[in-house]
Amino acid sequence: MARTRKSKARKPAKRSAPSLHDKRFPGESTPYREARNALLRSETELRRGIERVATARRKLPLGGPVPVD
């Protein structure tokens, strides 16, 4: 008969600040998580802004004929 290892139940990691996603860095502090969340929100806002500009660019009417290079 094979021996089975008894595993100790792990305690869940302490949550210092709410996260915008489920990935956490080992040992991260509350100020780090807050700064990281602020950065993630800024990056999301930037991507949305870039997409708004791209959408507006695609809606531009065609320009005139291109002169000879």
PDB file of N, CA and C in Angstrom:
ATOM      1  N   MET A   1       0.838  -1.176   0.000  1.00  0.00           N
ATOM      2  CA  MET A   1       0.000   0.000   0.000  1.00  0.00           C
ATOM      3  C   MET A   1       0.891   1.249   0.000  1.00  0.00           C
ATOM      4  N   ALA A   2       0.565   2.216  -0.832  1.00  0.00           N
ATOM      5  CA  ALA A   2       1.373   3.436  -0.943  1.00  0.00           C
ATOM      6  C   ALA A   2       1.084   4.378   0.214  1.00  0.00           C
ATOM      7  N   ARG A   3       2.117   5.063   0.610  1.00  0.00           N
ATOM      8  CA  ARG A   3       1.952   6.041   1.678  1.00  0.00           C
ATOM      9  C   ARG A   3       1.441   7.348   1.085  1.00  0.00           C
ATOM     10  N   THR A   4       0.560   7.983   1.784  1.00  0.00           N
ATOM     11  CA  THR A   4       0.060   9.277   1.323  1.00  0.00           C
ATOM     12  C   THR A   4       0.599  10.371   2.223  1.00  0.00           C
ATOM     13  N   ARG A   5       0.941  11.476   1.594  1.00  0.00           N
ATOM     14  CA  ARG A   5       1.429  12.617   2.372  1.00  0.00           C
ATOM     15  C   ARG A   5       0.258  13.404   2.915  1.00  0.00           C
ATOM     16  N   LYS A   6       0.362  13.744   4.138  1.00  0.00           N
ATOM     17  CA  LYS A   6      -0.664  14.609   4.712  1.00  0.00           C
ATOM     18  C   LYS A   6      -0.215  16.040   4.451  1.00  0.00           C
ATOM     19  N   SER A   7      -1.053  16.779   3.780  1.00  0.00           N
ATOM     20  CA  SER A   7      -0.685  18.161   3.490  1.00  0.00           C
ATOM     21  C   SER A   7      -1.359  19.086   4.485  1.00  0.00           C
ATOM     22  N   LYS A   8      -0.602  20.077   4.875  1.00  0.00           N
ATOM     23  CA  LYS A   8      -1.156  21.079   5.778  1.00  0.00           C
ATOM     24  C   LYS A   8      -1.977  22.057   4.951  1.00  0.00           C
ATOM     25  N   ALA A   9      -3.092  22.468   5.494  1.00  0.00           N
ATOM     26  CA  ALA A   9      -3.923  23.449   4.788  1.00  0.00           C
ATOM     27  C   ALA A   9      -3.189  24.786   4.792  1.00  0.00           C
ATOM     28  N   ARG A  10      -3.092  25.379   3.634  1.00  0.00           N
ATOM     29  CA  ARG A  10      -2.431  26.681   3.528  1.00  0.00           C
ATOM     30  C   ARG A  10      -3.407  27.777   3.883  1.00  0.00           C
ATOM     31  N   LYS A  11      -2.885  28.780   4.534  1.00  0.00           N
ATOM     32  CA  LYS A  11      -3.695  29.942   4.844  1.00  0.00           C
ATOM     33  C   LYS A  11      -3.756  30.819   3.606  1.00  0.00           C
ATOM     34  N   PRO A  12      -4.915  31.403   3.325  1.00  0.00           N
ATOM     35  CA  PRO A  12      -4.980  32.297   2.166  1.00  0.00           C
ATOM     36  C   PRO A  12      -4.093  33.522   2.387  1.00  0.00           C
ATOM     37  N   ALA A  13      -3.550  34.039   1.282  1.00  0.00           N
ATOM     38  CA  ALA A  13      -2.689  35.214   1.373  1.00  0.00           C
ATOM     39  C   ALA A  13      -3.490  36.403   1.877  1.00  0.00           C
ATOM     40  N   LYS A  14      -2.829  37.238   2.656  1.00  0.00           N
ATOM     41  CA  LYS A  14      -3.487  38.437   3.149  1.00  0.00           C
ATOM     42  C   LYS A  14      -3.692  39.398   1.990  1.00  0.00           C
ATOM     43  N   ARG A  15      -4.856  39.952   1.907  1.00  0.00           N
ATOM     44  CA  ARG A  15      -5.166  40.931   0.869  1.00  0.00           C
ATOM     45  C   ARG A  15      -5.022  42.319   1.480  1.00  0.00           C
ATOM     46  N   SER A  16      -4.026  43.048   1.023  1.00  0.00           N
ATOM     47  CA  SER A  16      -3.775  44.357   1.598  1.00  0.00           C
ATOM     48  C   SER A  16      -4.622  45.434   0.952  1.00  0.00           C
ATOM     49  N   ALA A  17      -4.777  45.392  -0.351  1.00  0.00           N
ATOM     50  CA  ALA A  17      -5.588  46.371  -1.065  1.00  0.00           C
ATOM     51  C   ALA A  17      -6.309  45.631  -2.178  1.00  0.00           C
ATOM     52  N   PRO A  18      -7.532  46.044  -2.495  1.00  0.00           N
ATOM     53  CA  PRO A  18      -8.227  45.350  -3.572  1.00  0.00           C
ATOM     54  C   PRO A  18      -7.446  45.467  -4.874  1.00  0.00           C
ATOM     55  N   SER A  19      -7.488  44.435  -5.650  1.00  0.00           N
ATOM     56  CA  SER A  19      -6.738  44.395  -6.895  1.00  0.00           C
ATOM     57  C   SER A  19      -7.689  44.486  -8.073  1.00  0.00           C
ATOM     58  N   LEU A  20      -7.181  44.976  -9.188  1.00  0.00           N
ATOM     59  CA  LEU A  20      -7.991  45.045 -10.402  1.00  0.00           C
ATOM     60  C   LEU A  20      -7.996  43.716 -11.136  1.00  0.00           C
ATOM     61  N   HIS A  21      -7.206  42.787 -10.685  1.00  0.00           N
ATOM     62  CA  HIS A  21      -7.133  41.456 -11.287  1.00  0.00           C
ATOM     63  C   HIS A  21      -6.740  40.470 -10.211  1.00  0.00           C
ATOM     64  N   ASP A  22      -6.659  39.195 -10.556  1.00  0.00           N
ATOM     65  CA  ASP A  22      -6.372  38.176  -9.540  1.00  0.00           C
ATOM     66  C   ASP A  22      -4.897  37.843  -9.382  1.00  0.00           C
ATOM     67  N   LYS A  23      -4.020  38.474 -10.141  1.00  0.00           N
ATOM     68  CA  LYS A  23      -2.585  38.209 -10.011  1.00  0.00           C
ATOM     69  C   LYS A  23      -1.992  39.131  -8.953  1.00  0.00           C
ATOM     70  N   ARG A  24      -1.214  38.546  -8.070  1.00  0.00           N
ATOM     71  CA  ARG A  24      -0.562  39.317  -7.004  1.00  0.00           C
ATOM     72  C   ARG A  24       0.920  38.983  -7.006  1.00  0.00           C
ATOM     73  N   PHE A  25       1.727  39.925  -6.595  1.00  0.00           N
ATOM     74  CA  PHE A  25       3.156  39.684  -6.462  1.00  0.00           C
ATOM     75  C   PHE A  25       3.450  39.270  -5.033  1.00  0.00           C
ATOM     76  N   PRO A  26       4.365  38.324  -4.832  1.00  0.00           N
ATOM     77  CA  PRO A  26       4.678  37.874  -3.472  1.00  0.00           C
ATOM     78  C   PRO A  26       5.184  39.031  -2.612  1.00  0.00           C
ATOM     79  N   GLY A  27       4.613  39.168  -1.447  1.00  0.00           N
ATOM     80  CA  GLY A  27       5.083  40.165  -0.487  1.00  0.00           C
ATOM     81  C   GLY A  27       4.797  41.604  -0.864  1.00  0.00           C
ATOM     82  N   GLU A  28       3.875  41.842  -1.779  1.00  0.00           N
ATOM     83  CA  GLU A  28       3.635  43.238  -2.159  1.00  0.00           C
ATOM     84  C   GLU A  28       2.969  43.985  -1.013  1.00  0.00           C
ATOM     85  N   SER A  29       3.317  45.247  -0.894  1.00  0.00           N
ATOM     86  CA  SER A  29       2.776  46.075   0.181  1.00  0.00           C
ATOM     87  C   SER A  29       1.507  46.787  -0.287  1.00  0.00           C
ATOM     88  N   THR A  30       0.773  47.333   0.666  1.00  0.00           N
ATOM     89  CA  THR A  30      -0.432  48.084   0.325  1.00  0.00           C
ATOM     90  C   THR A  30      -0.110  49.292  -0.543  1.00  0.00           C
ATOM     91  N   PRO A  31       0.922  50.098  -0.223  1.00  0.00           N
ATOM     92  CA  PRO A  31       1.232  51.234  -1.095  1.00  0.00           C
ATOM     93  C   PRO A  31       1.608  50.796  -2.519  1.00  0.00           C
ATOM     94  N   TYR A  32       2.327  49.675  -2.634  1.00  0.00           N
ATOM     95  CA  TYR A  32       2.683  49.168  -3.958  1.00  0.00           C
ATOM     96  C   TYR A  32       1.421  48.779  -4.729  1.00  0.00           C
ATOM     97  N   ARG A  33       0.508  48.035  -4.103  1.00  0.00           N
ATOM     98  CA  ARG A  33      -0.712  47.592  -4.784  1.00  0.00           C
ATOM     99  C   ARG A  33      -1.551  48.789  -5.203  1.00  0.00           C
ATOM    100  N   GLU A  34      -1.651  49.800  -4.327  1.00  0.00           N
ATOM    101  CA  GLU A  34      -2.426  50.994  -4.670  1.00  0.00           C
ATOM    102  C   GLU A  34      -1.807  51.719  -5.862  1.00  0.00           C
ATOM    103  N   ALA A  35      -0.480  51.846  -5.871  1.00  0.00           N
ATOM    104  CA  ALA A  35       0.201  52.499  -6.992  1.00  0.00           C
ATOM    105  C   ALA A  35       0.054  51.671  -8.262  1.00  0.00           C
ATOM    106  N   ARG A  36       0.150  50.369  -8.130  1.00  0.00           N
ATOM    107  CA  ARG A  36       0.019  49.485  -9.292  1.00  0.00           C
ATOM    108  C   ARG A  36      -1.393  49.570  -9.868  1.00  0.00           C
ATOM    109  N   ASN A  37      -2.413  49.602  -9.002  1.00  0.00           N
ATOM    110  CA  ASN A  37      -3.786  49.743  -9.466  1.00  0.00           C
ATOM    111  C   ASN A  37      -3.994  51.069 -10.184  1.00  0.00           C
ATOM    112  N   ALA A  38      -3.404  52.151  -9.644  1.00  0.00           N
ATOM    113  CA  ALA A  38      -3.511  53.461 -10.300  1.00  0.00           C
ATOM    114  C   ALA A  38      -2.865  53.416 -11.677  1.00  0.00           C
ATOM    115  N   LEU A  39      -1.723  52.764 -11.783  1.00  0.00           N
ATOM    116  CA  LEU A  39      -1.037  52.627 -13.067  1.00  0.00           C
ATOM    117  C   LEU A  39      -1.893  51.818 -14.045  1.00  0.00           C
ATOM    118  N   LEU A  40      -2.476  50.728 -13.588  1.00  0.00           N
ATOM    119  CA  LEU A  40      -3.324  49.911 -14.454  1.00  0.00           C
ATOM    120  C   LEU A  40      -4.536  50.698 -14.948  1.00  0.00           C
ATOM    121  N   ARG A  41      -5.133  51.504 -14.066  1.00  0.00           N
ATOM    122  CA  ARG A  41      -6.270  52.335 -14.493  1.00  0.00           C
ATOM    123  C   ARG A  41      -5.829  53.340 -15.549  1.00  0.00           C
ATOM    124  N   SER A  42      -4.658  53.960 -15.367  1.00  0.00           N
ATOM    125  CA  SER A  42      -4.128  54.914 -16.344  1.00  0.00           C
ATOM    126  C   SER A  42      -3.854  54.241 -17.674  1.00  0.00           C
ATOM    127  N   GLU A  43      -3.279  53.046 -17.645  1.00  0.00           N
ATOM    128  CA  GLU A  43      -2.994  52.314 -18.878  1.00  0.00           C
ATOM    129  C   GLU A  43      -4.281  51.954 -19.611  1.00  0.00           C
ATOM    130  N   THR A  44      -5.307  51.568 -18.863  1.00  0.00           N
ATOM    131  CA  THR A  44      -6.599  51.240 -19.472  1.00  0.00           C
ATOM    132  C   THR A  44      -7.196  52.473 -20.132  1.00  0.00           C
ATOM    133  N   GLU A  45      -7.138  53.604 -19.429  1.00  0.00           N
ATOM    134  CA  GLU A  45      -7.645  54.863 -19.979  1.00  0.00           C
ATOM    135  C   GLU A  45      -6.871  55.251 -21.247  1.00  0.00           C
ATOM    136  N   LEU A  46      -5.569  55.073 -21.242  1.00  0.00           N
ATOM    137  CA  LEU A  46      -4.745  55.377 -22.410  1.00  0.00           C
ATOM    138  C   LEU A  46      -5.141  54.514 -23.601  1.00  0.00           C
ATOM    139  N   ARG A  47      -5.284  53.220 -23.379  1.00  0.00           N
ATOM    140  CA  ARG A  47      -5.675  52.317 -24.480  1.00  0.00           C
ATOM    141  C   ARG A  47      -7.026  52.699 -25.061  1.00  0.00           C
ATOM    142  N   ARG A  48      -7.962  53.062 -24.193  1.00  0.00           N
ATOM    143  CA  ARG A  48      -9.285  53.478 -24.680  1.00  0.00           C
ATOM    144  C   ARG A  48      -9.175  54.766 -25.495  1.00  0.00           C
ATOM    145  N   GLY A  49      -8.333  55.689 -25.061  1.00  0.00           N
ATOM    146  CA  GLY A  49      -8.117  56.931 -25.802  1.00  0.00           C
ATOM    147  C   GLY A  49      -7.492  56.669 -27.160  1.00  0.00           C
ATOM    148  N   ILE A  50      -6.526  55.777 -27.208  1.00  0.00           N
ATOM    149  CA  ILE A  50      -5.883  55.419 -28.477  1.00  0.00           C
ATOM    150  C   ILE A  50      -6.914  54.821 -29.424  1.00  0.00           C
ATOM    151  N   GLU A  51      -7.789  53.984 -28.901  1.00  0.00           N
ATOM    152  CA  GLU A  51      -8.811  53.374 -29.751  1.00  0.00           C
ATOM    153  C   GLU A  51      -9.807  54.423 -30.244  1.00  0.00           C
ATOM    154  N   ARG A  52     -10.156  55.415 -29.406  1.00  0.00           N
ATOM    155  CA  ARG A  52     -11.057  56.485 -29.862  1.00  0.00           C
ATOM    156  C   ARG A  52     -10.431  57.256 -31.022  1.00  0.00           C
ATOM    157  N   VAL A  53      -9.140  57.567 -30.914  1.00  0.00           N
ATOM    158  CA  VAL A  53      -8.441  58.280 -31.984  1.00  0.00           C
ATOM    159  C   VAL A  53      -8.395  57.421 -33.253  1.00  0.00           C
ATOM    160  N   ALA A  54      -8.117  56.142 -33.112  1.00  0.00           N
ATOM    161  CA  ALA A  54      -8.054  55.252 -34.269  1.00  0.00           C
ATOM    162  C   ALA A  54      -9.414  55.168 -34.952  1.00  0.00           C
ATOM    163  N   THR A  55     -10.477  55.120 -34.162  1.00  0.00           N
ATOM    164  CA  THR A  55     -11.829  55.075 -34.732  1.00  0.00           C
ATOM    165  C   THR A  55     -12.119  56.353 -35.509  1.00  0.00           C
ATOM    166  N   ALA A  56     -11.758  57.500 -34.941  1.00  0.00           N
ATOM    167  CA  ALA A  56     -11.967  58.781 -35.631  1.00  0.00           C
ATOM    168  C   ALA A  56     -11.148  58.837 -36.917  1.00  0.00           C
ATOM    169  N   ARG A  57      -9.930  58.330 -36.885  1.00  0.00           N
ATOM    170  CA  ARG A  57      -9.067  58.327 -38.076  1.00  0.00           C
ATOM    171  C   ARG A  57      -9.687  57.473 -39.182  1.00  0.00           C
ATOM    172  N   ARG A  58     -10.243  56.327 -38.816  1.00  0.00           N
ATOM    173  CA  ARG A  58     -10.859  55.457 -39.815  1.00  0.00           C
ATOM    174  C   ARG A  58     -12.098  56.085 -40.445  1.00  0.00           C
ATOM    175  N   LYS A  59     -12.742  57.009 -39.727  1.00  0.00           N
ATOM    176  CA  LYS A  59     -13.944  57.668 -40.234  1.00  0.00           C
ATOM    177  C   LYS A  59     -13.636  58.866 -41.131  1.00  0.00           C
ATOM    178  N   LEU A  60     -12.373  59.263 -41.234  1.00  0.00           N
ATOM    179  CA  LEU A  60     -12.028  60.396 -42.100  1.00  0.00           C
ATOM    180  C   LEU A  60     -12.412  60.107 -43.535  1.00  0.00           C
ATOM    181  N   PRO A  61     -12.894  61.138 -44.246  1.00  0.00           N
ATOM    182  CA  PRO A  61     -13.180  60.911 -45.666  1.00  0.00           C
ATOM    183  C   PRO A  61     -11.858  60.761 -46.422  1.00  0.00           C
ATOM    184  N   LEU A  62     -11.947  60.155 -47.592  1.00  0.00           N
ATOM    185  CA  LEU A  62     -10.761  60.008 -48.410  1.00  0.00           C
ATOM    186  C   LEU A  62     -10.245  61.379 -48.842  1.00  0.00           C
ATOM    187  N   GLY A  63      -8.964  61.520 -48.911  1.00  0.00           N
ATOM    188  CA  GLY A  63      -8.365  62.782 -49.344  1.00  0.00           C
ATOM    189  C   GLY A  63      -8.325  62.848 -50.863  1.00  0.00           C
ATOM    190  N   GLY A  64      -7.725  63.928 -51.385  1.00  0.00           N
ATOM    191  CA  GLY A  64      -7.603  64.105 -52.831  1.00  0.00           C
ATOM    192  C   GLY A  64      -6.546  63.176 -53.421  1.00  0.00           C
ATOM    193  N   PRO A  65      -6.374  63.235 -54.715  1.00  0.00           N
ATOM    194  CA  PRO A  65      -5.376  62.384 -55.362  1.00  0.00           C
ATOM    195  C   PRO A  65      -3.964  62.772 -54.899  1.00  0.00           C
ATOM    196  N   VAL A  66      -3.120  61.792 -54.816  1.00  0.00           N
ATOM    197  CA  VAL A  66      -1.735  62.016 -54.379  1.00  0.00           C
ATOM    198  C   VAL A  66      -0.940  62.543 -55.561  1.00  0.00           C
ATOM    199  N   PRO A  67      -0.247  63.690 -55.383  1.00  0.00           N
ATOM    200  CA  PRO A  67       0.591  64.189 -56.477  1.00  0.00           C
ATOM    201  C   PRO A  67       1.746  63.214 -56.735  1.00  0.00           C
ATOM    202  N   VAL A  68       2.326  63.310 -57.871  1.00  0.00           N
ATOM    203  CA  VAL A  68       3.442  62.429 -58.225  1.00  0.00           C
ATOM    204  C   VAL A  68       4.566  62.656 -57.248  1.00  0.00           C
ATOM    205  N   ASP A  69       5.135  61.552 -56.786  1.00  0.00           N
ATOM    206  CA  ASP A  69       6.276  61.630 -55.843  1.00  0.00           C
ATOM    207  C   ASP A  69       7.503  62.144 -56.552  1.00  0.00           C
TER     208      ASP A  69
END
